[in-house]
Every structure is written in C-alpha cells, then in structure tokens.
C-alpha cells in the first residue's frame, strides 16, 4: 500500500480490542518513529511516557473524559514538554551532535550561540508555546508511522493535564503533559472503523501560485 492508502486507512480509533497487544518490535518501531521526529533546530524538546500499567491507566480514565481508549488500548503514550528547559539542554544536544558527527565542539559554537539566543528572547509563556508546538509535530510523525505499520491510534487533547501530571509524577520529572495517544488495534465492534473519511476537496484546500 502507498502512504496515501495508509492515511486513508487510519482514523481516530474509538474502540480498541483490549485482547490485542503490540509486539515488542511493533512498539520499538513506533517509539523509534517518535525519536526520529522533526523538531526545531533538532533540539527535541520533549519526553514520551509509555504507560502500560493497567492500574495507572484506570486512574487516568476519569481524567480523560472517561474515554475508554485509555484503558482498552495496548499502550498509552503521553507526550510531554520539559518544565526546566534551558541552556543545559542545548549544551547536551550540541555535545551529542559533536559525538555523533565526529566533529569538534568548537565547530558548533556558532550554532550553539544561535540556539541560545533564540531561546533567550522568549519569555516563559512563549517558550512553553514553542515547545508545545514541537510536540504536535511529533504527533504527526507518530500517527503517520502507526498508519504505515497498521497500528491504530487515537490522539487526545481531552484530558486534564494537571491530574495526569499528578498521577504520573511528572512534576518530579520536570515534565508537563501536552497530548495523549492510545495505540493498539481497533475492535471489530468500532462503528467508526468503516466510516467514510470526510475531507474537503483539494480545490478548497490548496492554492497554487
């Protein structure tokens, strides 16, 4: 199948088959797709929690507008931003780049200063918005990868972030939840699985200049 066929196949899964679980290889592939996500400057201003524990997921359910995907899916991914992002993160990234590409730290000094300057010009609110936008980019990678792997997913903004943060101990990890995405395999009872996808026609969306 082509990538277009894969994207036509996917939908925001409402009912998962709780008896079906991702294999280790499937989960590894999904997580690798997140690791390879595009990000501004390549800085990767995010962390991803993989929630498997059924008792924890049951606690999350009431703070997810009771959307049962949270407990029925194979895994629940919680996409987060750091609350302590600063020059230390940039320093770590630059060191990783130097090591990975076998170049000197000195040769990356201009790039490092450019990133530091970009971040320094943002106040706390603007920095949070910027990092949150990066997480949405990673969600796009995740959904596309899942479609290609024939793994179902349901991106969710409908949850209470502060309660997720409390239950998952994110404050202690200097993290804040932004998005939730259960992944697994659709139930044969999901009435939306075969619903015709509704999208505006191309002429309503694209302007060629």
Protein backbone atom coordinates (compact mmCIF):
# COMPACT_ATOMS: atom_id res chain seq x y z
CA UNK A 1 0.00 0.00 0.00
CA UNK A 2 1.09 3.56 -0.61
CA UNK A 3 1.38 6.14 2.16
CA UNK A 4 -1.84 7.72 0.85
CA UNK A 5 -3.64 4.38 1.22
CA UNK A 6 -2.24 4.07 4.74
CA UNK A 7 -3.56 7.51 5.67
CA UNK A 8 -6.97 6.67 4.22
CA UNK A 9 -6.98 3.52 6.38
CA UNK A 10 -6.27 5.33 9.64
CA UNK A 11 -8.85 7.05 11.79
CA UNK A 12 -9.14 8.19 15.39
CA UNK A 13 -9.95 4.81 16.88
CA UNK A 14 -12.83 4.89 19.33
CA UNK A 15 -12.84 1.25 20.40
CA UNK A 16 -9.70 -0.85 20.82
CA UNK A 17 -9.53 -4.62 21.09
CA UNK A 18 -8.10 -5.00 24.58
CA UNK A 19 -7.07 -8.60 23.86
CA UNK A 20 -4.59 -7.50 21.18
CA UNK A 21 -1.20 -6.12 22.21
CA UNK A 22 1.66 -4.65 20.23
CA UNK A 23 4.65 -6.92 19.88
CA UNK A 24 7.98 -5.69 21.22
CA UNK A 25 9.12 -5.00 17.64
CA UNK A 26 5.98 -3.04 16.83
CA UNK A 27 6.35 -0.93 19.96
CA UNK A 28 10.04 -0.38 19.23
CA UNK A 29 9.18 0.80 15.70
CA UNK A 30 6.55 3.22 16.99
CA UNK A 31 8.93 4.65 19.59
CA UNK A 32 11.71 4.95 17.03
CA UNK A 33 9.39 6.96 14.81
CA UNK A 34 8.94 9.38 17.72
CA UNK A 35 12.68 9.51 18.33
CA UNK A 36 13.21 10.46 14.69
CA UNK A 37 10.57 13.21 14.71
CA UNK A 38 11.31 16.60 13.23
CA UNK A 39 11.94 19.38 15.74
CA UNK A 40 13.08 22.99 15.61
CA UNK A 41 16.90 23.10 15.47
CA UNK A 42 16.75 19.34 16.09
CA UNK A 43 16.55 20.14 19.82
CA UNK A 44 13.90 17.50 20.66
CA UNK A 45 12.22 19.49 23.42
CA UNK A 46 10.06 16.61 24.62
CA UNK A 47 9.76 13.37 26.57
CA UNK A 48 7.39 10.48 25.87
CA UNK A 49 5.87 8.31 28.59
CA UNK A 50 4.82 4.78 27.69
CA UNK A 51 2.05 3.75 30.08
CA UNK A 52 1.33 0.02 30.23
CA UNK A 53 0.30 -0.47 33.86
CA UNK A 54 -3.45 -1.16 33.87
CA UNK A 55 -3.98 0.20 37.39
CA UNK A 56 -2.35 3.50 36.47
CA UNK A 57 -4.42 3.73 33.31
CA UNK A 58 -7.58 3.11 35.31
CA UNK A 59 -6.69 6.13 37.45
CA UNK A 60 -6.18 8.20 34.30
CA UNK A 61 -9.58 7.23 32.88
CA UNK A 62 -11.68 9.62 34.98
CA UNK A 63 -9.35 12.48 33.99
CA UNK A 64 -9.69 11.58 30.29
CA UNK A 65 -13.38 12.47 29.94
CA UNK A 66 -13.94 8.72 30.53
CA UNK A 67 -12.67 7.91 27.06
CA UNK A 68 -12.21 4.17 27.35
CA UNK A 69 -9.40 4.07 24.80
CA UNK A 70 -7.11 4.90 27.74
CA UNK A 71 -7.76 1.53 29.35
CA UNK A 72 -8.54 -0.60 26.29
CA UNK A 73 -5.57 0.24 24.06
CA UNK A 74 -2.39 -1.80 24.06
CA UNK A 75 -0.31 1.17 25.26
CA UNK A 76 -0.91 4.79 26.13
CA UNK A 77 1.66 7.38 25.07
CA UNK A 78 1.80 10.67 26.95
CA UNK A 79 3.66 13.38 25.06
CA UNK A 80 5.30 15.92 27.36
CA UNK A 81 7.42 19.05 27.42
CA UNK A 82 10.14 19.83 29.98
CA UNK A 83 9.46 22.47 32.61
CA UNK A 84 13.16 23.14 33.16
CA UNK A 85 14.33 23.69 29.58
CA UNK A 86 17.39 25.92 29.29
CA UNK A 87 20.96 26.19 28.09
CA UNK A 88 21.85 22.88 29.73
CA UNK A 89 19.58 21.12 27.24
CA UNK A 90 21.23 22.95 24.36
CA UNK A 91 24.68 22.04 25.71
CA UNK A 92 23.71 18.36 25.92
CA UNK A 93 22.36 18.45 22.36
CA UNK A 94 25.50 20.10 20.97
CA UNK A 95 27.73 17.54 22.68
CA UNK A 96 25.61 14.74 21.22
CA UNK A 97 25.86 16.30 17.75
CA UNK A 98 29.64 16.61 18.01
CA UNK A 99 29.99 12.99 19.08
CA UNK A 100 27.52 11.60 16.53
CA UNK A 101 29.03 13.50 13.60
CA UNK A 102 32.61 13.26 14.84
CA UNK A 103 33.22 16.99 14.77
CA UNK A 104 34.69 19.36 17.34
CA UNK A 105 32.61 21.29 19.82
CA UNK A 106 34.33 24.45 18.61
CA UNK A 107 32.98 23.94 15.10
CA UNK A 108 29.43 24.00 16.52
CA UNK A 109 29.89 27.07 18.69
CA UNK A 110 28.09 29.39 16.25
CA UNK A 111 25.10 27.05 16.05
CA UNK A 112 25.03 26.75 19.83
CA UNK A 113 25.04 30.52 20.32
CA UNK A 114 22.29 30.93 17.74
CA UNK A 115 20.06 28.47 19.62
CA UNK A 116 20.84 30.08 22.96
CA UNK A 117 19.98 33.49 21.51
CA UNK A 118 16.69 32.19 20.12
CA UNK A 119 15.67 30.73 23.47
CA UNK A 120 16.80 33.74 25.49
CA UNK A 121 14.45 36.00 23.53
CA UNK A 122 11.41 34.01 24.66
CA UNK A 123 9.71 34.52 28.00
CA UNK A 124 8.37 31.55 29.94
CA UNK A 125 4.96 31.61 28.24
CA UNK A 126 6.37 31.90 24.71
CA UNK A 127 8.87 29.11 25.41
CA UNK A 128 6.07 26.81 26.57
CA UNK A 129 4.03 27.55 23.42
CA UNK A 130 7.06 26.87 21.21
CA UNK A 131 7.81 23.54 22.88
CA UNK A 132 4.14 22.55 22.79
CA UNK A 133 4.10 23.16 19.04
CA UNK A 134 7.09 20.82 18.71
CA UNK A 135 5.09 18.07 20.44
CA UNK A 136 2.30 18.46 17.88
CA UNK A 137 4.89 17.94 15.14
CA UNK A 138 5.97 14.69 16.81
CA UNK A 139 2.32 13.60 16.98
CA UNK A 140 2.16 13.88 13.18
CA UNK A 141 5.14 11.56 12.88
CA UNK A 142 3.54 9.15 15.33
CA UNK A 143 0.19 8.97 13.54
CA UNK A 144 1.80 8.54 10.13
CA UNK A 145 4.13 5.82 11.40
CA UNK A 146 1.25 3.99 13.07
CA UNK A 147 -0.77 4.12 9.85
CA UNK A 148 2.16 2.70 7.90
CA UNK A 149 2.58 -0.10 10.48
CA UNK A 150 -1.18 -0.80 10.56
CA UNK A 151 -1.34 0.15 14.22
CA UNK A 152 -4.36 2.10 15.36
CA UNK A 153 -4.12 5.32 17.33
CA UNK A 154 -6.34 7.96 18.86
CA UNK A 155 -4.75 11.37 19.54
CA UNK A 156 -6.40 13.04 22.52
CA UNK A 157 -6.47 16.59 23.84
CA UNK A 158 -9.47 15.69 26.01
CA UNK A 159 -7.76 15.08 29.32
CA UNK A 160 -6.96 17.03 32.47
CA UNK A 161 -3.27 17.74 32.23
CA UNK A 162 -2.68 18.63 35.88
CA UNK A 163 -4.26 15.34 37.02
CA UNK A 164 -2.17 13.33 34.56
CA UNK A 165 0.89 15.16 35.84
CA UNK A 166 -0.03 14.26 39.42
CA UNK A 167 -0.82 10.60 38.78
CA UNK A 168 2.27 10.04 36.62
CA UNK A 169 4.58 12.01 38.92
CA UNK A 170 5.56 14.34 36.11
CA UNK A 171 6.32 17.26 38.40
CA UNK A 172 9.16 15.28 39.97
CA UNK A 173 10.43 14.55 36.46
CA UNK A 174 10.26 18.25 35.47
CA UNK A 175 7.69 17.43 32.80
CA UNK A 176 4.23 18.60 31.80
CA UNK A 177 1.77 16.55 29.74
CA UNK A 178 0.60 18.02 26.43
CA UNK A 179 -1.07 15.22 24.45
CA UNK A 180 -2.22 11.65 24.99
CA UNK A 181 -2.28 8.97 22.30
CA UNK A 182 -3.53 5.43 22.99
CA UNK A 183 -2.23 2.93 20.42
CA UNK A 184 -3.22 -0.64 19.66
CA UNK A 185 -5.65 -2.42 17.37
CA UNK A 186 -9.21 -1.49 16.50
CA UNK A 187 -12.12 -3.54 17.76
CA UNK A 188 -14.38 -5.19 15.20
CA UNK A 189 -17.23 -3.50 17.08
CA UNK A 190 -15.98 0.02 16.39
CA UNK A 191 -18.67 1.51 14.19
CA UNK A 192 -16.30 4.24 13.00
CA UNK A 193 -13.78 1.82 11.52
CA UNK A 194 -15.54 1.68 8.14
CA UNK A 195 -17.00 5.18 8.11
CA UNK A 196 -16.16 7.16 5.00
CA UNK A 197 -13.44 9.70 5.73
CA UNK A 198 -14.71 13.27 5.47
CA UNK A 199 -12.27 15.78 3.98
CA UNK A 200 -12.72 18.95 1.96
CA UNK A 201 -11.87 18.61 -1.76
CA UNK A 202 -8.43 19.66 -2.94
CA UNK A 203 -9.70 22.80 -4.61
CA UNK A 204 -10.92 24.05 -1.23
CA UNK A 205 -7.58 23.46 0.48
CA UNK A 206 -4.77 24.20 -1.93
CA UNK A 207 -3.82 27.47 -3.58
CA UNK A 208 -1.24 27.21 -6.35
CA UNK A 209 0.71 30.38 -7.10
